[in-house]
Protein backbone atom coordinates (compact mmCIF):
# COMPACT_ATOMS: atom_id res chain seq x y z
CA MET A 1 29.95 9.80 1.95
CA SER A 2 27.75 11.63 -0.06
CA LEU A 3 30.47 12.14 -2.50
CA LEU A 4 31.76 8.07 -2.05
CA LEU A 5 28.02 7.55 -3.30
CA TRP A 6 28.38 9.74 -6.25
CA LEU A 7 31.84 7.92 -7.41
CA HIS A 8 29.96 4.72 -6.76
CA ILE A 9 27.30 5.36 -9.05
CA GLY A 10 29.05 7.85 -11.40
CA PHE A 11 31.51 4.46 -12.20
CA ALA A 12 28.44 2.30 -12.59
CA ILE A 13 26.43 4.38 -15.05
CA PHE A 14 30.11 4.80 -16.82
CA THR A 15 31.94 1.62 -16.89
CA ILE A 16 29.38 -1.14 -16.54
CA GLY A 17 27.17 0.07 -19.27
CA PRO A 18 29.49 0.92 -22.26
CA LEU A 19 31.26 -2.79 -20.92
CA THR A 20 28.06 -4.49 -21.50
CA ALA A 21 27.31 -2.82 -24.70
CA ALA A 22 30.79 -3.71 -26.03
CA THR A 23 30.74 -7.55 -24.60
CA MET A 24 27.30 -7.75 -26.80
CA ALA A 25 28.53 -6.51 -29.87
CA ALA A 26 31.46 -8.96 -29.63
CA PRO A 27 29.96 -11.72 -31.57
CA ARG A 28 28.79 -10.16 -34.10
CA ALA A 29 31.92 -8.41 -34.77
CA ILE A 30 33.29 -12.55 -34.59
CA ARG A 31 31.13 -13.52 -36.94
CA ASN A 32 31.55 -11.33 -39.70
CA ASN A 33 35.55 -11.92 -39.43
CA ASN A 34 35.47 -7.74 -38.75
CA VAL A 35 38.46 -7.89 -36.99
CA PRO A 36 39.56 -3.83 -36.37
CA VAL A 37 36.09 -4.07 -34.58
CA LEU A 38 36.87 -6.70 -32.97
CA ARG A 39 40.26 -5.56 -31.52
CA ASN A 40 38.55 -2.62 -30.15
CA ILE A 41 35.84 -4.37 -28.52
CA GLN A 42 38.32 -5.88 -27.01
CA ARG A 43 40.06 -3.26 -25.63
CA THR A 44 37.12 -1.64 -24.98
CA THR A 45 36.07 -4.68 -22.67
CA ARG A 46 39.23 -4.77 -20.85
CA ILE A 47 39.97 -0.80 -19.97
CA TYR A 48 36.06 -0.88 -18.83
CA SER A 49 36.78 -4.15 -16.70
CA LEU A 50 39.45 -2.67 -14.91
CA ALA A 51 37.22 1.08 -14.47
CA SER A 52 34.64 -1.22 -13.53
CA LEU A 53 36.92 -2.29 -10.19
CA GLY A 54 35.91 1.53 -9.21
CA VAL A 55 31.91 0.47 -8.65
CA LEU A 56 33.13 -2.20 -6.16
CA VAL A 57 36.11 -0.03 -4.40
CA PHE A 58 33.61 2.88 -3.97
CA GLY A 59 30.86 0.73 -2.47
CA VAL A 60 33.12 -0.99 0.05
CA ALA A 61 34.17 2.26 0.99
CA LEU A 62 30.57 3.30 1.31
CA GLY A 63 29.72 0.91 3.40
CA ILE A 64 32.58 1.38 5.63
CA VAL A 65 31.62 4.95 6.17
CA VAL A 66 27.98 4.08 6.79
CA GLY A 67 28.72 1.72 9.30
CA HIS A 68 26.02 0.08 11.24
CA GLY A 69 27.31 -3.58 9.81
CA VAL A 70 25.88 -2.46 6.17
CA LEU A 71 28.22 -4.80 4.83
CA GLY A 72 27.46 -7.18 6.63
CA LEU A 73 23.80 -7.61 5.38
CA TRP A 74 22.17 -10.47 2.99
CA TYR A 75 21.92 -7.97 -0.26
CA MET A 76 25.10 -6.53 0.37
CA THR A 77 26.70 -9.82 0.83
CA ALA A 78 25.16 -10.82 -2.52
CA SER A 79 26.22 -8.20 -4.71
CA MET A 80 29.25 -8.36 -3.68
CA THR A 81 29.74 -11.70 -4.20
CA LEU A 82 28.00 -11.31 -7.67
CA PHE A 83 30.04 -8.25 -8.44
CA ILE A 84 33.65 -10.69 -7.92
CA VAL A 85 31.84 -13.75 -10.28
CA ALA A 86 31.34 -10.86 -12.62
CA ILE A 87 35.13 -9.72 -12.77
CA VAL A 88 36.04 -13.44 -13.12
CA LEU A 89 33.54 -13.85 -16.04
CA LEU A 90 34.86 -11.24 -17.74
CA VAL A 91 38.72 -11.81 -17.61
CA ILE A 92 37.00 -15.20 -19.12
CA ILE A 93 35.51 -13.04 -22.08
CA ASP A 94 38.87 -11.28 -22.78
CA ARG A 95 40.77 -14.50 -23.19
CA ASP A 96 38.05 -15.39 -25.44
CA LEU A 97 38.00 -12.26 -27.25
CA ARG A 98 42.03 -12.66 -27.39
CA THR A 99 41.35 -16.19 -28.81
CA ALA A 100 39.14 -15.32 -31.17
CA LEU A 101 41.31 -12.19 -33.02
CA ARG A 102 44.51 -14.66 -33.41
CA ALA A 103 41.77 -16.92 -34.76
CA LEU A 104 40.67 -14.33 -37.01
CA GLU A 105 44.18 -12.63 -38.33
CA SER A 106 45.47 -16.60 -38.55
CA GLU A 107 46.17 -17.59 -42.03
CA ASN A 108 44.34 -20.99 -41.03
CA ALA A 109 40.98 -20.45 -43.33
CA GLU A 110 39.26 -23.20 -40.77
CA ASP A 111 39.66 -21.42 -37.50
CA ASP A 112 36.76 -18.88 -37.75
CA ALA A 113 36.38 -18.67 -34.33
CA LYS A 114 32.54 -20.49 -33.65
CA VAL A 115 33.43 -21.51 -30.28
CA GLN A 116 34.44 -18.16 -28.97
CA THR A 117 31.51 -16.23 -30.18
CA GLY A 118 29.18 -18.75 -28.58
CA ARG A 119 31.30 -18.24 -25.15
CA VAL A 120 31.42 -14.72 -25.34
CA ALA A 121 27.62 -14.36 -26.51
CA ALA A 122 26.09 -16.83 -23.84
CA ILE A 123 28.71 -14.85 -21.23
CA SER A 124 27.94 -11.42 -21.95
CA GLY A 125 24.02 -12.69 -21.24
CA LEU A 126 24.51 -14.13 -17.71
CA LEU A 127 27.02 -10.69 -17.27
CA ALA A 128 23.66 -8.87 -18.18
CA VAL A 129 21.64 -11.08 -16.13
CA ILE A 130 24.09 -10.35 -12.99
CA TRP A 131 24.35 -6.52 -13.51
CA LEU A 132 20.19 -6.19 -13.06
CA VAL A 133 20.02 -8.87 -10.17
CA ILE A 134 23.17 -6.26 -8.34
CA LEU A 135 20.89 -2.99 -9.54
CA PHE A 136 18.17 -4.75 -8.25
CA LEU A 137 19.85 -5.60 -4.68
CA MET A 138 20.62 -2.19 -4.68
CA VAL A 139 17.46 -0.15 -5.27
CA VAL A 140 14.96 -2.83 -3.32
CA PRO A 141 16.48 -3.75 -0.08
CA THR A 142 14.98 -5.90 2.82
CA PRO A 143 15.30 -5.05 6.18
């Protein structure tokens, strides 16, 4: 049980933090037409998004090991649901980052990826709020 808790917390610290930082840095890279940085941010986002699934996997495994219906508690259900919503939003961000890369690499000067800049900025802000709500639900459970 102790190992699962360490893995759950470790994955949360070492994937969610860098993932949030990368997604929040993307709009600036798009606005500055910095294709190499944007390519790195897109790759980082994809890798850390996949790695962040470890938080959910080890959290669910920990809930199963602890037993006592822990996974059925409202705050656990809410946090798992929010995590799944966050993963869906990360898929949308990845799609927008790939679209922005294609736009900035194209020969068409009119395609400046402004739509992707706004959407990535809005969704990355929403993701940060979701991560904070999940953290609150994990730290301050109510009986």
